[in-house]
Full PDB file with SEQRES, HELIX, SHEET, SSBOND, CRYST1, ORIGX, SCALE, CONECT and MASTER records, all heavy atoms in Angstrom:
SEQRES   1 A   38  GLN TYR ASP TRP ALA GLN ARG ARG LEU GLU PRO VAL LYS          
SEQRES   2 A   38  LYS ARG ALA LEU GLN ALA ALA ALA ASP GLY VAL GLU THR          
SEQRES   3 A   38  TRP PRO ARG ILE LEU LEU SER GLY LEU GLY VAL VAL              
HELIX    1 AA1 ASP A    3  GLY A   23  1                                  21    
HELIX    2 AA2 TRP A   27  VAL A   37  1                                  11    
CRYST1    1.000    1.000    1.000  90.00  90.00  90.00 P 1           1          
ORIGX1      1.000000  0.000000  0.000000        0.00000                         
ORIGX2      0.000000  1.000000  0.000000        0.00000                         
ORIGX3      0.000000  0.000000  1.000000        0.00000                         
SCALE1      1.000000  0.000000  0.000000        0.00000                         
SCALE2      0.000000  1.000000  0.000000        0.00000                         
SCALE3      0.000000  0.000000  1.000000        0.00000                         
ATOM      1  N   GLN A   1     109.502 107.871 101.058  1.00  0.00           N  
ATOM      2  CA  GLN A   1     110.005 106.540 101.398  1.00  0.00           C  
ATOM      3  C   GLN A   1     108.932 105.454 101.389  1.00  0.00           C  
ATOM      4  O   GLN A   1     109.260 104.286 101.244  1.00  0.00           O  
ATOM      5  CB  GLN A   1     110.643 106.571 102.790  1.00  0.00           C  
ATOM      6  CG  GLN A   1     111.812 107.513 102.908  1.00  0.00           C  
ATOM      7  CD  GLN A   1     112.985 107.095 102.047  1.00  0.00           C  
ATOM      8  OE1 GLN A   1     113.221 105.914 101.846  1.00  0.00           O  
ATOM      9  NE2 GLN A   1     113.705 108.069 101.527  1.00  0.00           N  
ATOM     10  N   TYR A   2     107.664 105.844 101.579  1.00  0.00           N  
ATOM     11  CA  TYR A   2     106.612 104.853 101.761  1.00  0.00           C  
ATOM     12  C   TYR A   2     105.463 105.078 100.786  1.00  0.00           C  
ATOM     13  O   TYR A   2     104.954 106.189 100.660  1.00  0.00           O  
ATOM     14  CB  TYR A   2     106.061 104.918 103.194  1.00  0.00           C  
ATOM     15  CG  TYR A   2     107.103 104.650 104.245  1.00  0.00           C  
ATOM     16  CD1 TYR A   2     107.601 105.683 105.027  1.00  0.00           C  
ATOM     17  CD2 TYR A   2     107.591 103.366 104.458  1.00  0.00           C  
ATOM     18  CE1 TYR A   2     108.561 105.445 106.005  1.00  0.00           C  
ATOM     19  CE2 TYR A   2     108.547 103.117 105.423  1.00  0.00           C  
ATOM     20  CZ  TYR A   2     109.027 104.160 106.192  1.00  0.00           C  
ATOM     21  OH  TYR A   2     109.972 103.921 107.150  1.00  0.00           O  
ATOM     22  N   ASP A   3     105.039 103.992 100.144  1.00  0.00           N  
ATOM     23  CA  ASP A   3     103.910 104.062  99.212  1.00  0.00           C  
ATOM     24  C   ASP A   3     102.603 104.384  99.939  1.00  0.00           C  
ATOM     25  O   ASP A   3     101.759 105.105  99.411  1.00  0.00           O  
ATOM     26  CB  ASP A   3     103.755 102.748  98.445  1.00  0.00           C  
ATOM     27  CG  ASP A   3     104.873 102.535  97.429  1.00  0.00           C  
ATOM     28  OD1 ASP A   3     105.485 103.535  97.004  1.00  0.00           O  
ATOM     29  OD2 ASP A   3     105.133 101.371  97.078  1.00  0.00           O  
ATOM     30  N   TRP A   4     102.403 103.834 101.141  1.00  0.00           N  
ATOM     31  CA  TRP A   4     101.170 104.094 101.877  1.00  0.00           C  
ATOM     32  C   TRP A   4     101.011 105.584 102.164  1.00  0.00           C  
ATOM     33  O   TRP A   4      99.900 106.101 102.130  1.00  0.00           O  
ATOM     34  CB  TRP A   4     101.092 103.275 103.164  1.00  0.00           C  
ATOM     35  CG  TRP A   4     102.159 103.609 104.160  1.00  0.00           C  
ATOM     36  CD1 TRP A   4     103.344 102.970 104.338  1.00  0.00           C  
ATOM     37  CD2 TRP A   4     102.143 104.689 105.100  1.00  0.00           C  
ATOM     38  NE1 TRP A   4     104.076 103.579 105.318  1.00  0.00           N  
ATOM     39  CE2 TRP A   4     103.357 104.637 105.819  1.00  0.00           C  
ATOM     40  CE3 TRP A   4     101.227 105.684 105.405  1.00  0.00           C  
ATOM     41  CZ2 TRP A   4     103.675 105.543 106.820  1.00  0.00           C  
ATOM     42  CZ3 TRP A   4     101.545 106.594 106.409  1.00  0.00           C  
ATOM     43  CH2 TRP A   4     102.759 106.511 107.096  1.00  0.00           C  
ATOM     44  N   ALA A   5     102.106 106.270 102.434  1.00  0.00           N  
ATOM     45  CA  ALA A   5     102.034 107.707 102.701  1.00  0.00           C  
ATOM     46  C   ALA A   5     101.700 108.471 101.427  1.00  0.00           C  
ATOM     47  O   ALA A   5     100.943 109.449 101.462  1.00  0.00           O  
ATOM     48  CB  ALA A   5     103.350 108.208 103.298  1.00  0.00           C  
ATOM     49  N   GLN A   6     102.243 108.030 100.314  1.00  0.00           N  
ATOM     50  CA  GLN A   6     101.946 108.675  99.029  1.00  0.00           C  
ATOM     51  C   GLN A   6     100.464 108.560  98.700  1.00  0.00           C  
ATOM     52  O   GLN A   6      99.854 109.512  98.236  1.00  0.00           O  
ATOM     53  CB  GLN A   6     102.787 108.021  97.920  1.00  0.00           C  
ATOM     54  CG  GLN A   6     102.548 108.604  96.548  1.00  0.00           C  
ATOM     55  CD  GLN A   6     102.994 110.055  96.448  1.00  0.00           C  
ATOM     56  OE1 GLN A   6     104.018 110.438  96.983  1.00  0.00           O  
ATOM     57  NE2 GLN A   6     102.208 110.868  95.777  1.00  0.00           N  
ATOM     58  N   ARG A   7      99.878 107.387  98.976  1.00  0.00           N  
ATOM     59  CA  ARG A   7      98.449 107.181  98.698  1.00  0.00           C  
ATOM     60  C   ARG A   7      97.559 108.050  99.588  1.00  0.00           C  
ATOM     61  O   ARG A   7      96.505 108.483  99.168  1.00  0.00           O  
ATOM     62  CB  ARG A   7      98.077 105.707  98.882  1.00  0.00           C  
ATOM     63  CG  ARG A   7      98.625 104.783  97.817  1.00  0.00           C  
ATOM     64  CD  ARG A   7      98.031 103.385  97.939  1.00  0.00           C  
ATOM     65  NE  ARG A   7      98.242 102.776  99.239  1.00  0.00           N  
ATOM     66  CZ  ARG A   7      99.310 102.040  99.574  1.00  0.00           C  
ATOM     67  NH1 ARG A   7     100.268 101.840  98.695  1.00  0.00           N  
ATOM     68  NH2 ARG A   7      99.403 101.510 100.780  1.00  0.00           N  
ATOM     69  N   ARG A   8      97.979 108.304 100.795  1.00  0.00           N  
ATOM     70  CA  ARG A   8      97.169 109.096 101.733  1.00  0.00           C  
ATOM     71  C   ARG A   8      97.411 110.591 101.616  1.00  0.00           C  
ATOM     72  O   ARG A   8      96.613 111.382 102.101  1.00  0.00           O  
ATOM     73  CB  ARG A   8      97.429 108.626 103.154  1.00  0.00           C  
ATOM     74  CG  ARG A   8      96.759 107.294 103.407  1.00  0.00           C  
ATOM     75  CD  ARG A   8      97.253 106.633 104.661  1.00  0.00           C  
ATOM     76  NE  ARG A   8      96.595 105.379 104.923  1.00  0.00           N  
ATOM     77  CZ  ARG A   8      96.881 104.237 104.336  1.00  0.00           C  
ATOM     78  NH1 ARG A   8      97.791 104.184 103.400  1.00  0.00           N  
ATOM     79  NH2 ARG A   8      96.241 103.132 104.654  1.00  0.00           N  
ATOM     80  N   LEU A   9      98.491 110.978 100.982  1.00  0.00           N  
ATOM     81  CA  LEU A   9      98.838 112.395 100.892  1.00  0.00           C  
ATOM     82  C   LEU A   9      97.809 113.192 100.103  1.00  0.00           C  
ATOM     83  O   LEU A   9      97.352 114.245 100.558  1.00  0.00           O  
ATOM     84  CB  LEU A   9     100.229 112.562 100.259  1.00  0.00           C  
ATOM     85  CG  LEU A   9     100.702 113.991 100.035  1.00  0.00           C  
ATOM     86  CD1 LEU A   9     100.776 114.748 101.352  1.00  0.00           C  
ATOM     87  CD2 LEU A   9     102.066 113.986  99.346  1.00  0.00           C  
ATOM     88  N   GLU A  10      97.414 112.722  98.945  1.00  0.00           N  
ATOM     89  CA  GLU A  10      96.518 113.499  98.077  1.00  0.00           C  
ATOM     90  C   GLU A  10      95.158 113.772  98.716  1.00  0.00           C  
ATOM     91  O   GLU A  10      94.699 114.908  98.696  1.00  0.00           O  
ATOM     92  CB  GLU A  10      96.363 112.810  96.716  1.00  0.00           C  
ATOM     93  CG  GLU A  10      95.858 113.723  95.633  1.00  0.00           C  
ATOM     94  CD  GLU A  10      96.708 114.989  95.446  1.00  0.00           C  
ATOM     95  OE1 GLU A  10      97.936 114.929  95.503  1.00  0.00           O  
ATOM     96  OE2 GLU A  10      96.103 116.059  95.255  1.00  0.00           O  
ATOM     97  N   PRO A  11      94.489 112.767  99.321  1.00  0.00           N  
ATOM     98  CA  PRO A  11      93.195 113.076  99.956  1.00  0.00           C  
ATOM     99  C   PRO A  11      93.331 114.062 101.126  1.00  0.00           C  
ATOM    100  O   PRO A  11      92.484 114.945 101.296  1.00  0.00           O  
ATOM    101  CB  PRO A  11      92.689 111.718 100.452  1.00  0.00           C  
ATOM    102  CG  PRO A  11      93.463 110.700  99.722  1.00  0.00           C  
ATOM    103  CD  PRO A  11      94.751 111.331  99.314  1.00  0.00           C  
ATOM    104  N   VAL A  12      94.388 113.935 101.913  1.00  0.00           N  
ATOM    105  CA  VAL A  12      94.562 114.852 103.048  1.00  0.00           C  
ATOM    106  C   VAL A  12      94.892 116.248 102.538  1.00  0.00           C  
ATOM    107  O   VAL A  12      94.385 117.249 103.051  1.00  0.00           O  
ATOM    108  CB  VAL A  12      95.666 114.328 103.999  1.00  0.00           C  
ATOM    109  CG1 VAL A  12      95.992 115.341 105.080  1.00  0.00           C  
ATOM    110  CG2 VAL A  12      95.236 113.011 104.632  1.00  0.00           C  
ATOM    111  N   LYS A  13      95.718 116.328 101.506  1.00  0.00           N  
ATOM    112  CA  LYS A  13      96.060 117.623 100.918  1.00  0.00           C  
ATOM    113  C   LYS A  13      94.809 118.299 100.354  1.00  0.00           C  
ATOM    114  O   LYS A  13      94.588 119.493 100.566  1.00  0.00           O  
ATOM    115  CB  LYS A  13      97.098 117.423  99.807  1.00  0.00           C  
ATOM    116  CG  LYS A  13      97.590 118.683  99.183  1.00  0.00           C  
ATOM    117  CD  LYS A  13      98.653 118.366  98.138  1.00  0.00           C  
ATOM    118  CE  LYS A  13      99.053 119.591  97.374  1.00  0.00           C  
ATOM    119  NZ  LYS A  13     100.036 119.285  96.324  1.00  0.00           N  
ATOM    120  N   LYS A  14      93.971 117.521  99.673  1.00  0.00           N  
ATOM    121  CA  LYS A  14      92.742 118.069  99.118  1.00  0.00           C  
ATOM    122  C   LYS A  14      91.828 118.583 100.228  1.00  0.00           C  
ATOM    123  O   LYS A  14      91.256 119.666 100.122  1.00  0.00           O  
ATOM    124  CB  LYS A  14      92.019 117.003  98.287  1.00  0.00           C  
ATOM    125  CG  LYS A  14      90.788 117.516  97.593  1.00  0.00           C  
ATOM    126  CD  LYS A  14      90.165 116.453  96.706  1.00  0.00           C  
ATOM    127  CE  LYS A  14      88.948 117.020  96.013  1.00  0.00           C  
ATOM    128  NZ  LYS A  14      88.326 116.062  95.118  1.00  0.00           N  
ATOM    129  N   ARG A  15      91.735 117.825 101.331  1.00  0.00           N  
ATOM    130  CA  ARG A  15      90.899 118.248 102.462  1.00  0.00           C  
ATOM    131  C   ARG A  15      91.456 119.515 103.105  1.00  0.00           C  
ATOM    132  O   ARG A  15      90.700 120.405 103.496  1.00  0.00           O  
ATOM    133  CB  ARG A  15      90.808 117.110 103.487  1.00  0.00           C  
ATOM    134  CG  ARG A  15      90.031 117.476 104.723  1.00  0.00           C  
ATOM    135  CD  ARG A  15      88.560 117.753 104.416  1.00  0.00           C  
ATOM    136  NE  ARG A  15      87.896 118.219 105.609  1.00  0.00           N  
ATOM    137  CZ  ARG A  15      87.372 119.429 105.744  1.00  0.00           C  
ATOM    138  NH1 ARG A  15      87.406 120.294 104.752  1.00  0.00           N  
ATOM    139  NH2 ARG A  15      86.800 119.784 106.856  1.00  0.00           N  
ATOM    140  N   ALA A  16      92.764 119.611 103.231  1.00  0.00           N  
ATOM    141  CA  ALA A  16      93.378 120.804 103.827  1.00  0.00           C  
ATOM    142  C   ALA A  16      93.118 122.034 102.959  1.00  0.00           C  
ATOM    143  O   ALA A  16      92.790 123.114 103.469  1.00  0.00           O  
ATOM    144  CB  ALA A  16      94.878 120.588 104.006  1.00  0.00           C  
ATOM    145  N   LEU A  17      93.235 121.879 101.647  1.00  0.00           N  
ATOM    146  CA  LEU A  17      92.972 123.004 100.746  1.00  0.00           C  
ATOM    147  C   LEU A  17      91.500 123.394 100.765  1.00  0.00           C  
ATOM    148  O   LEU A  17      91.158 124.583 100.720  1.00  0.00           O  
ATOM    149  CB  LEU A  17      93.423 122.665  99.321  1.00  0.00           C  
ATOM    150  CG  LEU A  17      94.933 122.525  99.128  1.00  0.00           C  
ATOM    151  CD1 LEU A  17      95.245 122.005  97.730  1.00  0.00           C  
ATOM    152  CD2 LEU A  17      95.633 123.842  99.384  1.00  0.00           C  
ATOM    153  N   GLN A  18      90.611 122.396 100.869  1.00  0.00           N  
ATOM    154  CA  GLN A  18      89.181 122.674 100.955  1.00  0.00           C  
ATOM    155  C   GLN A  18      88.863 123.411 102.255  1.00  0.00           C  
ATOM    156  O   GLN A  18      88.076 124.351 102.263  1.00  0.00           O  
ATOM    157  CB  GLN A  18      88.358 121.383 100.864  1.00  0.00           C  
ATOM    158  CG  GLN A  18      86.867 121.622 100.832  1.00  0.00           C  
ATOM    159  CD  GLN A  18      86.422 122.395  99.608  1.00  0.00           C  
ATOM    160  OE1 GLN A  18      86.792 122.043  98.493  1.00  0.00           O  
ATOM    161  NE2 GLN A  18      85.670 123.456  99.804  1.00  0.00           N  
ATOM    162  N   ALA A  19      89.486 122.991 103.351  1.00  0.00           N  
ATOM    163  CA  ALA A  19      89.270 123.669 104.632  1.00  0.00           C  
ATOM    164  C   ALA A  19      89.759 125.114 104.571  1.00  0.00           C  
ATOM    165  O   ALA A  19      89.124 126.020 105.116  1.00  0.00           O  
ATOM    166  CB  ALA A  19      89.980 122.912 105.751  1.00  0.00           C  
ATOM    167  N   ALA A  20      90.890 125.332 103.891  1.00  0.00           N  
ATOM    168  CA  ALA A  20      91.409 126.695 103.739  1.00  0.00           C  
ATOM    169  C   ALA A  20      90.434 127.550 102.939  1.00  0.00           C  
ATOM    170  O   ALA A  20      90.171 128.703 103.279  1.00  0.00           O  
ATOM    171  CB  ALA A  20      92.772 126.667 103.064  1.00  0.00           C  
ATOM    172  N   ALA A  21      89.882 126.994 101.874  1.00  0.00           N  
ATOM    173  CA  ALA A  21      88.922 127.734 101.049  1.00  0.00           C  
ATOM    174  C   ALA A  21      87.632 127.993 101.821  1.00  0.00           C  
ATOM    175  O   ALA A  21      87.068 129.092 101.759  1.00  0.00           O  
ATOM    176  CB  ALA A  21      88.632 126.973  99.761  1.00  0.00           C  
ATOM    177  N   ASP A  22      87.165 126.994 102.572  1.00  0.00           N  
ATOM    178  CA  ASP A  22      85.939 127.158 103.360  1.00  0.00           C  
ATOM    179  C   ASP A  22      86.107 128.211 104.446  1.00  0.00           C  
ATOM    180  O   ASP A  22      85.176 128.943 104.756  1.00  0.00           O  
ATOM    181  CB  ASP A  22      85.532 125.833 104.012  1.00  0.00           C  
ATOM    182  CG  ASP A  22      85.041 124.806 103.011  1.00  0.00           C  
ATOM    183  OD1 ASP A  22      84.780 125.179 101.845  1.00  0.00           O  
ATOM    184  OD2 ASP A  22      84.941 123.623 103.386  1.00  0.00           O  
ATOM    185  N   GLY A  23      87.291 128.289 105.020  1.00  0.00           N  
ATOM    186  CA  GLY A  23      87.538 129.212 106.117  1.00  0.00           C  
ATOM    187  C   GLY A  23      87.467 130.674 105.730  1.00  0.00           C  
ATOM    188  O   GLY A  23      87.255 131.534 106.590  1.00  0.00           O  
ATOM    189  N   VAL A  24      87.645 130.985 104.457  1.00  0.00           N  
ATOM    190  CA  VAL A  24      87.591 132.383 104.004  1.00  0.00           C  
ATOM    191  C   VAL A  24      86.455 132.597 103.003  1.00  0.00           C  
ATOM    192  O   VAL A  24      86.460 133.555 102.250  1.00  0.00           O  
ATOM    193  CB  VAL A  24      88.947 132.829 103.401  1.00  0.00           C  
ATOM    194  CG1 VAL A  24      90.011 132.876 104.476  1.00  0.00           C  
ATOM    195  CG2 VAL A  24      89.368 131.939 102.245  1.00  0.00           C  
ATOM    196  N   GLU A  25      85.481 131.699 103.032  1.00  0.00           N  
ATOM    197  CA  GLU A  25      84.382 131.767 102.077  1.00  0.00           C  
ATOM    198  C   GLU A  25      83.472 132.974 102.341  1.00  0.00           C  
ATOM    199  O   GLU A  25      82.987 133.600 101.407  1.00  0.00           O  
ATOM    200  CB  GLU A  25      83.574 130.466 102.135  1.00  0.00           C  
ATOM    201  CG  GLU A  25      82.519 130.352 101.076  1.00  0.00           C  
ATOM    202  CD  GLU A  25      81.835 129.005 101.096  1.00  0.00           C  
ATOM    203  OE1 GLU A  25      81.945 128.279 102.087  1.00  0.00           O  
ATOM    204  OE2 GLU A  25      81.183 128.691 100.098  1.00  0.00           O  
ATOM    205  N   THR A  26      83.237 133.293 103.619  1.00  0.00           N  
ATOM    206  CA  THR A  26      82.351 134.410 103.959  1.00  0.00           C  
ATOM    207  C   THR A  26      83.049 135.330 104.961  1.00  0.00           C  
ATOM    208  O   THR A  26      83.962 134.912 105.685  1.00  0.00           O  
ATOM    209  CB  THR A  26      81.034 133.900 104.585  1.00  0.00           C  
ATOM    210  OG1 THR A  26      81.323 133.265 105.830  1.00  0.00           O  
ATOM    211  CG2 THR A  26      80.304 132.940 103.653  1.00  0.00           C  
ATOM    212  N   TRP A  27      82.570 136.584 105.022  1.00  0.00           N  
ATOM    213  CA  TRP A  27      83.151 137.536 105.967  1.00  0.00           C  
ATOM    214  C   TRP A  27      82.930 137.128 107.420  1.00  0.00           C  
ATOM    215  O   TRP A  27      83.839 137.308 108.248  1.00  0.00           O  
ATOM    216  CB  TRP A  27      82.650 138.944 105.690  1.00  0.00           C  
ATOM    217  CG  TRP A  27      83.413 139.546 104.565  1.00  0.00           C  
ATOM    218  CD1 TRP A  27      82.971 139.768 103.293  1.00  0.00           C  
ATOM    219  CD2 TRP A  27      84.786 139.958 104.583  1.00  0.00           C  
ATOM    220  NE1 TRP A  27      83.981 140.296 102.526  1.00  0.00           N  
ATOM    221  CE2 TRP A  27      85.111 140.431 103.294  1.00  0.00           C  
ATOM    222  CE3 TRP A  27      85.777 139.973 105.559  1.00  0.00           C  
ATOM    223  CZ2 TRP A  27      86.369 140.904 102.964  1.00  0.00           C  
ATOM    224  CZ3 TRP A  27      87.033 140.448 105.234  1.00  0.00           C  
ATOM    225  CH2 TRP A  27      87.314 140.911 103.950  1.00  0.00           C  
ATOM    226  N   PRO A  28      81.777 136.581 107.793  1.00  0.00           N  
ATOM    227  CA  PRO A  28      81.637 136.137 109.187  1.00  0.00           C  
ATOM    228  C   PRO A  28      82.677 135.079 109.576  1.00  0.00           C  
ATOM    229  O   PRO A  28      83.195 135.101 110.688  1.00  0.00           O  
ATOM    230  CB  PRO A  28      80.214 135.569 109.249  1.00  0.00           C  
ATOM    231  CG  PRO A  28      79.481 136.332 108.197  1.00  0.00           C  
ATOM    232  CD  PRO A  28      80.485 136.536 107.088  1.00  0.00           C  
ATOM    233  N   ARG A  29      82.987 134.163 108.671  1.00  0.00           N  
ATOM    234  CA  ARG A  29      84.013 133.156 108.962  1.00  0.00           C  
ATOM    235  C   ARG A  29      85.385 133.805 109.121  1.00  0.00           C  
ATOM    236  O   ARG A  29      86.159 133.419 109.997  1.00  0.00           O  
ATOM    237  CB  ARG A  29      84.076 132.107 107.856  1.00  0.00           C  
ATOM    238  CG  ARG A  29      82.915 131.158 107.870  1.00  0.00           C  
ATOM    239  CD  ARG A  29      83.067 130.105 106.814  1.00  0.00           C  
ATOM    240  NE  ARG A  29      81.906 129.234 106.792  1.00  0.00           N  
ATOM    241  CZ  ARG A  29      81.754 128.238 105.958  1.00  0.00           C  
ATOM    242  NH1 ARG A  29      82.683 127.982 105.051  1.00  0.00           N  
ATOM    243  NH2 ARG A  29      80.678 127.490 106.005  1.00  0.00           N  
ATOM    244  N   ILE A  30      85.686 134.763 108.259  1.00  0.00           N  
ATOM    245  CA  ILE A  30      86.975 135.450 108.352  1.00  0.00           C  
ATOM    246  C   ILE A  30      87.059 136.209 109.675  1.00  0.00           C  
ATOM    247  O   ILE A  30      88.084 136.149 110.375  1.00  0.00           O  
ATOM    248  CB  ILE A  30      87.176 136.398 107.151  1.00  0.00           C  
ATOM    249  CG1 ILE A  30      87.279 135.590 105.847  1.00  0.00           C  
ATOM    250  CG2 ILE A  30      88.419 137.263 107.344  1.00  0.00           C  
ATOM    251  CD1 ILE A  30      87.214 136.426 104.589  1.00  0.00           C  
ATOM    252  N   LEU A  31      85.993 136.919 110.037  1.00  0.00           N  
ATOM    253  CA  LEU A  31      85.984 137.678 111.286  1.00  0.00           C  
ATOM    254  C   LEU A  31      86.062 136.758 112.502  1.00  0.00           C  
ATOM    255  O   LEU A  31      86.765 137.070 113.473  1.00  0.00           O  
ATOM    256  CB  LEU A  31      84.753 138.572 111.353  1.00  0.00           C  
ATOM    257  CG  LEU A  31      84.718 139.709 110.331  1.00  0.00           C  
ATOM    258  CD1 LEU A  31      83.388 140.453 110.396  1.00  0.00           C  
ATOM    259  CD2 LEU A  31      85.884 140.662 110.547  1.00  0.00           C  
ATOM    260  N   LEU A  32      85.364 135.626 112.461  1.00  0.00           N  
ATOM    261  CA  LEU A  32      85.415 134.680 113.568  1.00  0.00           C  
ATOM    262  C   LEU A  32      86.822 134.089 113.710  1.00  0.00           C  
ATOM    263  O   LEU A  32      87.331 133.935 114.825  1.00  0.00           O  
ATOM    264  CB  LEU A  32      84.380 133.574 113.367  1.00  0.00           C  
ATOM    265  CG  LEU A  32      84.142 132.645 114.536  1.00  0.00           C  
ATOM    266  CD1 LEU A  32      83.659 133.430 115.763  1.00  0.00           C  
ATOM    267  CD2 LEU A  32      83.111 131.584 114.166  1.00  0.00           C  
ATOM    268  N   SER A  33      87.454 133.786 112.581  1.00  0.00           N  
ATOM    269  CA  SER A  33      88.831 133.291 112.615  1.00  0.00           C  
ATOM    270  C   SER A  33      89.767 134.351 113.187  1.00  0.00           C  
ATOM    271  O   SER A  33      90.658 134.047 113.982  1.00  0.00           O  
ATOM    272  CB  SER A  33      89.295 132.888 111.216  1.00  0.00           C  
ATOM    273  OG  SER A  33      88.533 131.818 110.724  1.00  0.00           O  
ATOM    274  N   GLY A  34      89.561 135.604 112.771  1.00  0.00           N  
ATOM    275  CA  GLY A  34      90.366 136.702 113.303  1.00  0.00           C  
ATOM    276  C   GLY A  34      90.170 136.871 114.801  1.00  0.00           C  
ATOM    277  O   GLY A  34      91.129 137.116 115.546  1.00  0.00           O  
ATOM    278  N   LEU A  35      88.931 136.721 115.257  1.00  0.00           N  
ATOM    279  CA  LEU A  35      88.645 136.795 116.681  1.00  0.00           C  
ATOM    280  C   LEU A  35      89.363 135.663 117.429  1.00  0.00           C  
ATOM    281  O   LEU A  35      89.904 135.869 118.518  1.00  0.00           O  
ATOM    282  CB  LEU A  35      87.138 136.726 116.929  1.00  0.00           C  
ATOM    283  CG  LEU A  35      86.698 136.754 118.389  1.00  0.00           C  
ATOM    284  CD1 LEU A  35      87.110 138.070 119.052  1.00  0.00           C  
ATOM    285  CD2 LEU A  35      85.192 136.548 118.484  1.00  0.00           C  
ATOM    286  N   GLY A  36      89.371 134.487 116.824  1.00  0.00           N  
ATOM    287  CA  GLY A  36      90.094 133.363 117.421  1.00  0.00           C  
ATOM    288  C   GLY A  36      91.582 133.662 117.580  1.00  0.00           C  
ATOM    289  O   GLY A  36      92.201 133.317 118.585  1.00  0.00           O  
ATOM    290  N   VAL A  37      92.163 134.327 116.565  1.00  0.00           N  
ATOM    291  CA  VAL A  37      93.573 134.722 116.639  1.00  0.00           C  
ATOM    292  C   VAL A  37      93.791 135.690 117.794  1.00  0.00           C  
ATOM    293  O   VAL A  37      94.733 135.544 118.585  1.00  0.00           O  
ATOM    294  CB  VAL A  37      94.034 135.342 115.297  1.00  0.00           C  
ATOM    295  CG1 VAL A  37      95.371 136.046 115.446  1.00  0.00           C  
ATOM    296  CG2 VAL A  37      94.110 134.275 114.214  1.00  0.00           C  
ATOM    297  N   VAL A  38      92.920 136.683 117.911  1.00  0.00           N  
ATOM    298  CA  VAL A  38      93.044 137.672 118.980  1.00  0.00           C  
ATOM    299  C   VAL A  38      92.942 136.990 120.346  1.00  0.00           C  
ATOM    300  O   VAL A  38      93.725 137.279 121.253  1.00  0.00           O  
ATOM    301  CB  VAL A  38      91.982 138.784 118.824  1.00  0.00           C  
ATOM    302  CG1 VAL A  38      91.918 139.680 120.053  1.00  0.00           C  
ATOM    303  CG2 VAL A  38      92.263 139.604 117.574  1.00  0.00           C  
TER     304      VAL A  38                                                      
MASTER        0    0    0    2    0    0    0    6  303    1    0    3          
END                                                                             
């Protein structure tokens, strides 16, 4: 419905995907995330 939201969607989506990739980049990060879940 809004152009302003369309303009902001791509940068936020890119950041979210980058954060997802960074979060599983190394085994210590994966284990720390798993510990957080526990």
